[in-house]
Amino acid sequence: MKFISRIQLWGDQNHPKWLDLFRIILGIVLVWKGISFMLNLHAFTSLMTESGLPMALSLSIVAHLIILFHVFGGFFIALGSHTRMFCLLNLPILVVAVLFVNLSQHIFRPYAEFWLSVSVLIGLVVFLVEGNGKLSVENKAEKMV
């Protein structure tokens, strides 16, 4: 536990302001992908079925959890509230997306989802370490108290 506290302290002390812009963009991309999944739920479930993942849970439950984590997680990441927690919740989803779903498709074709998934995965890892930053709701709330 002390190691995690040291990582959080380092991330809070060494967070440049320009990195907050990327946190906001990451949150907006997650919300966008969550809404995109919601609007194309049938295409999403057929993609999951074609990927060959073992279906221990119902696809419907998994799809709705992914949408929930993307939309609410992206919203709170963009605001800068509980960033580390929502990055941690979205991390397994993106690992599965990169390794099992998008890697099986043609990754070198134009507009491949693989590269977006890799970029979002890297962003989640960065903000899991870095945290909220200076332009965040939690930072403003701390200053008001």
C-alpha atoms as a PDB file:
ATOM      1  CA  MET A   1       0.000   0.000   0.000  1.00  0.00           C
ATOM      2  CA  LYS A   2       2.902   2.323   0.689  1.00  0.00           C
ATOM      3  CA  PHE A   3       4.127   1.812  -2.894  1.00  0.00           C
ATOM      4  CA  ILE A   4       0.769   2.934  -4.302  1.00  0.00           C
ATOM      5  CA  SER A   5       0.781   5.993  -2.048  1.00  0.00           C
ATOM      6  CA  ARG A   6       4.273   6.904  -3.275  1.00  0.00           C
ATOM      7  CA  ILE A   7       3.142   6.594  -6.910  1.00  0.00           C
ATOM      8  CA  GLN A   8       0.133   8.828  -6.192  1.00  0.00           C
ATOM      9  CA  LEU A   9       2.305  11.409  -4.428  1.00  0.00           C
ATOM     10  CA  TRP A  10       4.832  11.440  -7.286  1.00  0.00           C
ATOM     11  CA  GLY A  11       2.026  11.786  -9.850  1.00  0.00           C
ATOM     12  CA  ASP A  12       0.462  14.671  -7.969  1.00  0.00           C
ATOM     13  CA  GLN A  13       3.761  16.551  -7.585  1.00  0.00           C
ATOM     14  CA  ASN A  14       5.039  16.062 -11.162  1.00  0.00           C
ATOM     15  CA  HIS A  15       1.922  16.746 -13.206  1.00  0.00           C
ATOM     16  CA  PRO A  16       2.352  19.381 -15.955  1.00  0.00           C
ATOM     17  CA  LYS A  17      -0.688  21.490 -16.817  1.00  0.00           C
ATOM     18  CA  TRP A  18      -0.581  20.595 -20.538  1.00  0.00           C
ATOM     19  CA  LEU A  19      -1.195  16.971 -19.602  1.00  0.00           C
ATOM     20  CA  ASP A  20      -4.656  17.965 -18.361  1.00  0.00           C
ATOM     21  CA  LEU A  21      -5.671  18.661 -21.964  1.00  0.00           C
ATOM     22  CA  PHE A  22      -4.866  15.055 -22.862  1.00  0.00           C
ATOM     23  CA  ARG A  23      -6.848  13.833 -19.826  1.00  0.00           C
ATOM     24  CA  ILE A  24      -9.872  15.797 -21.016  1.00  0.00           C
ATOM     25  CA  ILE A  25      -9.485  14.445 -24.577  1.00  0.00           C
ATOM     26  CA  LEU A  26      -9.160  10.907 -23.203  1.00  0.00           C
ATOM     27  CA  GLY A  27     -12.388  11.339 -21.250  1.00  0.00           C
ATOM     28  CA  ILE A  28     -14.217  12.704 -24.286  1.00  0.00           C
ATOM     29  CA  VAL A  29     -12.987   9.797 -26.440  1.00  0.00           C
ATOM     30  CA  LEU A  30     -14.210   7.294 -23.838  1.00  0.00           C
ATOM     31  CA  VAL A  31     -17.637   8.951 -23.691  1.00  0.00           C
ATOM     32  CA  TRP A  32     -17.769   9.023 -27.493  1.00  0.00           C
ATOM     33  CA  LYS A  33     -16.898   5.319 -27.754  1.00  0.00           C
ATOM     34  CA  GLY A  34     -19.445   4.453 -25.053  1.00  0.00           C
ATOM     35  CA  ILE A  35     -22.199   6.311 -26.909  1.00  0.00           C
ATOM     36  CA  SER A  36     -21.037   4.722 -30.162  1.00  0.00           C
ATOM     37  CA  PHE A  37     -21.296   1.266 -28.576  1.00  0.00           C
ATOM     38  CA  MET A  38     -24.744   2.130 -27.249  1.00  0.00           C
ATOM     39  CA  LEU A  39     -26.014   3.264 -30.641  1.00  0.00           C
ATOM     40  CA  ASN A  40     -24.502   0.238 -32.407  1.00  0.00           C
ATOM     41  CA  LEU A  41     -25.151  -2.415 -29.776  1.00  0.00           C
ATOM     42  CA  HIS A  42     -26.023  -5.064 -32.353  1.00  0.00           C
ATOM     43  CA  ALA A  43     -22.774  -4.515 -34.260  1.00  0.00           C
ATOM     44  CA  PHE A  44     -20.880  -4.514 -30.979  1.00  0.00           C
ATOM     45  CA  THR A  45     -22.310  -7.853 -29.843  1.00  0.00           C
ATOM     46  CA  SER A  46     -21.612  -9.430 -33.240  1.00  0.00           C
ATOM     47  CA  LEU A  47     -18.012  -8.151 -33.010  1.00  0.00           C
ATOM     48  CA  MET A  48     -17.671  -9.694 -29.564  1.00  0.00           C
ATOM     49  CA  THR A  49     -19.124 -12.980 -30.830  1.00  0.00           C
ATOM     50  CA  GLU A  50     -16.704 -13.079 -33.781  1.00  0.00           C
ATOM     51  CA  SER A  51     -13.706 -12.394 -31.544  1.00  0.00           C
ATOM     52  CA  GLY A  52     -14.019 -15.843 -29.993  1.00  0.00           C
ATOM     53  CA  LEU A  53     -13.870 -14.697 -26.386  1.00  0.00           C
ATOM     54  CA  PRO A  54     -15.237 -17.206 -23.879  1.00  0.00           C
ATOM     55  CA  MET A  55     -18.732 -16.143 -22.914  1.00  0.00           C
ATOM     56  CA  ALA A  56     -18.940 -16.878 -19.184  1.00  0.00           C
ATOM     57  CA  LEU A  57     -21.321 -13.973 -18.705  1.00  0.00           C
ATOM     58  CA  SER A  58     -24.136 -12.911 -20.903  1.00  0.00           C
ATOM     59  CA  LEU A  59     -23.003 -10.666 -23.753  1.00  0.00           C
ATOM     60  CA  SER A  60     -25.734  -8.237 -22.854  1.00  0.00           C
ATOM     61  CA  ILE A  61     -24.415  -7.730 -19.327  1.00  0.00           C
ATOM     62  CA  VAL A  62     -20.845  -7.340 -20.566  1.00  0.00           C
ATOM     63  CA  ALA A  63     -21.878  -4.878 -23.279  1.00  0.00           C
ATOM     64  CA  HIS A  64     -23.877  -2.751 -20.848  1.00  0.00           C
ATOM     65  CA  LEU A  65     -21.053  -2.713 -18.301  1.00  0.00           C
ATOM     66  CA  ILE A  66     -18.611  -1.583 -20.985  1.00  0.00           C
ATOM     67  CA  ILE A  67     -20.980   1.194 -22.024  1.00  0.00           C
ATOM     68  CA  LEU A  68     -21.490   2.229 -18.396  1.00  0.00           C
ATOM     69  CA  PHE A  69     -17.753   2.284 -17.612  1.00  0.00           C
ATOM     70  CA  HIS A  70     -16.935   4.165 -20.814  1.00  0.00           C
ATOM     71  CA  VAL A  71     -19.631   6.829 -20.502  1.00  0.00           C
ATOM     72  CA  PHE A  72     -19.457   7.519 -16.771  1.00  0.00           C
ATOM     73  CA  GLY A  73     -15.731   6.832 -16.533  1.00  0.00           C
ATOM     74  CA  GLY A  74     -14.967   9.090 -19.475  1.00  0.00           C
ATOM     75  CA  PHE A  75     -17.150  11.830 -18.034  1.00  0.00           C
ATOM     76  CA  PHE A  76     -15.404  11.734 -14.667  1.00  0.00           C
ATOM     77  CA  ILE A  77     -11.945  11.431 -16.250  1.00  0.00           C
ATOM     78  CA  ALA A  78     -12.655  14.518 -18.356  1.00  0.00           C
ATOM     79  CA  LEU A  79     -13.814  16.420 -15.267  1.00  0.00           C
ATOM     80  CA  GLY A  80     -10.851  15.217 -13.234  1.00  0.00           C
ATOM     81  CA  SER A  81     -12.813  13.491 -10.516  1.00  0.00           C
ATOM     82  CA  HIS A  82     -11.709  10.034  -9.307  1.00  0.00           C
ATOM     83  CA  THR A  83      -9.473   9.740 -12.364  1.00  0.00           C
ATOM     84  CA  ARG A  84      -7.345   6.876 -11.069  1.00  0.00           C
ATOM     85  CA  MET A  85     -10.361   4.774 -10.114  1.00  0.00           C
ATOM     86  CA  PHE A  86     -12.082   5.182 -13.487  1.00  0.00           C
ATOM     87  CA  CYS A  87      -8.825   4.556 -15.353  1.00  0.00           C
ATOM     88  CA  LEU A  88      -8.476   1.341 -13.377  1.00  0.00           C
ATOM     89  CA  LEU A  89     -12.057   0.328 -14.200  1.00  0.00           C
ATOM     90  CA  ASN A  90     -11.575   0.964 -17.934  1.00  0.00           C
ATOM     91  CA  LEU A  91      -8.143  -0.670 -18.122  1.00  0.00           C
ATOM     92  CA  PRO A  92      -9.320  -4.326 -18.417  1.00  0.00           C
ATOM     93  CA  ILE A  93     -11.815  -3.337 -21.117  1.00  0.00           C
ATOM     94  CA  LEU A  94      -9.095  -1.735 -23.215  1.00  0.00           C
ATOM     95  CA  VAL A  95      -6.663  -4.619 -22.670  1.00  0.00           C
ATOM     96  CA  VAL A  96      -9.280  -7.030 -24.014  1.00  0.00           C
ATOM     97  CA  ALA A  97     -10.065  -4.651 -26.874  1.00  0.00           C
ATOM     98  CA  VAL A  98      -6.406  -4.406 -27.883  1.00  0.00           C
ATOM     99  CA  LEU A  99      -5.388  -8.035 -27.440  1.00  0.00           C
ATOM    100  CA  PHE A 100      -8.468  -9.987 -28.494  1.00  0.00           C
ATOM    101  CA  VAL A 101     -10.916  -7.854 -30.430  1.00  0.00           C
ATOM    102  CA  ASN A 102      -8.922  -5.367 -32.511  1.00  0.00           C
ATOM    103  CA  LEU A 103      -5.714  -7.344 -32.997  1.00  0.00           C
ATOM    104  CA  SER A 104      -7.519 -10.044 -34.951  1.00  0.00           C
ATOM    105  CA  GLN A 105      -8.664  -7.496 -37.515  1.00  0.00           C
ATOM    106  CA  HIS A 106      -6.447  -5.942 -40.160  1.00  0.00           C
ATOM    107  CA  ILE A 107      -4.482  -3.434 -38.097  1.00  0.00           C
ATOM    108  CA  PHE A 108      -2.792  -1.754 -41.042  1.00  0.00           C
ATOM    109  CA  ARG A 109      -5.909  -0.768 -42.923  1.00  0.00           C
ATOM    110  CA  PRO A 110      -6.901   2.891 -42.799  1.00  0.00           C
ATOM    111  CA  TYR A 111      -8.913   3.962 -39.768  1.00  0.00           C
ATOM    112  CA  ALA A 112      -8.271   0.735 -37.879  1.00  0.00           C
ATOM    113  CA  GLU A 113      -9.730   0.717 -34.372  1.00  0.00           C
ATOM    114  CA  PHE A 114      -6.595  -0.974 -33.087  1.00  0.00           C
ATOM    115  CA  TRP A 115      -4.562   2.227 -32.993  1.00  0.00           C
ATOM    116  CA  LEU A 116      -7.301   4.166 -31.203  1.00  0.00           C
ATOM    117  CA  SER A 117      -7.572   1.379 -28.627  1.00  0.00           C
ATOM    118  CA  VAL A 118      -3.803   1.347 -28.094  1.00  0.00           C
ATOM    119  CA  SER A 119      -3.758   5.139 -27.693  1.00  0.00           C
ATOM    120  CA  VAL A 120      -6.580   5.064 -25.146  1.00  0.00           C
ATOM    121  CA  LEU A 121      -4.892   2.180 -23.291  1.00  0.00           C
ATOM    122  CA  ILE A 122      -1.642   4.158 -23.048  1.00  0.00           C
ATOM    123  CA  GLY A 123      -3.611   7.203 -21.868  1.00  0.00           C
ATOM    124  CA  LEU A 124      -5.335   5.168 -19.161  1.00  0.00           C
ATOM    125  CA  VAL A 125      -2.005   3.865 -17.868  1.00  0.00           C
ATOM    126  CA  VAL A 126      -0.511   7.376 -17.877  1.00  0.00           C
ATOM    127  CA  PHE A 127      -3.406   8.872 -15.927  1.00  0.00           C
ATOM    128  CA  LEU A 128      -3.551   5.916 -13.574  1.00  0.00           C
ATOM    129  CA  VAL A 129      -0.090   7.063 -12.455  1.00  0.00           C
ATOM    130  CA  GLU A 130      -0.433  10.826 -12.972  1.00  0.00           C
ATOM    131  CA  GLY A 131      -3.880  11.336 -11.498  1.00  0.00           C
ATOM    132  CA  ASN A 132      -6.166  14.337 -11.891  1.00  0.00           C
ATOM    133  CA  GLY A 133      -3.844  17.257 -12.356  1.00  0.00           C
ATOM    134  CA  LYS A 134      -4.242  20.957 -11.723  1.00  0.00           C
ATOM    135  CA  LEU A 135      -7.272  21.547 -13.995  1.00  0.00           C
ATOM    136  CA  SER A 136      -9.662  19.199 -12.251  1.00  0.00           C
ATOM    137  CA  VAL A 137     -12.800  19.318 -10.174  1.00  0.00           C
ATOM    138  CA  GLU A 138     -11.074  17.642  -7.225  1.00  0.00           C
ATOM    139  CA  ASN A 139      -8.199  20.135  -7.270  1.00  0.00           C
ATOM    140  CA  LYS A 140     -10.638  23.050  -7.290  1.00  0.00           C
ATOM    141  CA  ALA A 141     -12.638  21.484  -4.450  1.00  0.00           C
ATOM    142  CA  GLU A 142      -9.476  21.027  -2.360  1.00  0.00           C
ATOM    143  CA  LYS A 143      -8.575  24.682  -2.802  1.00  0.00           C
ATOM    144  CA  MET A 144     -12.051  25.815  -1.738  1.00  0.00           C
ATOM    145  CA  VAL A 145     -11.941  23.867   1.511  1.00  0.00           C
END
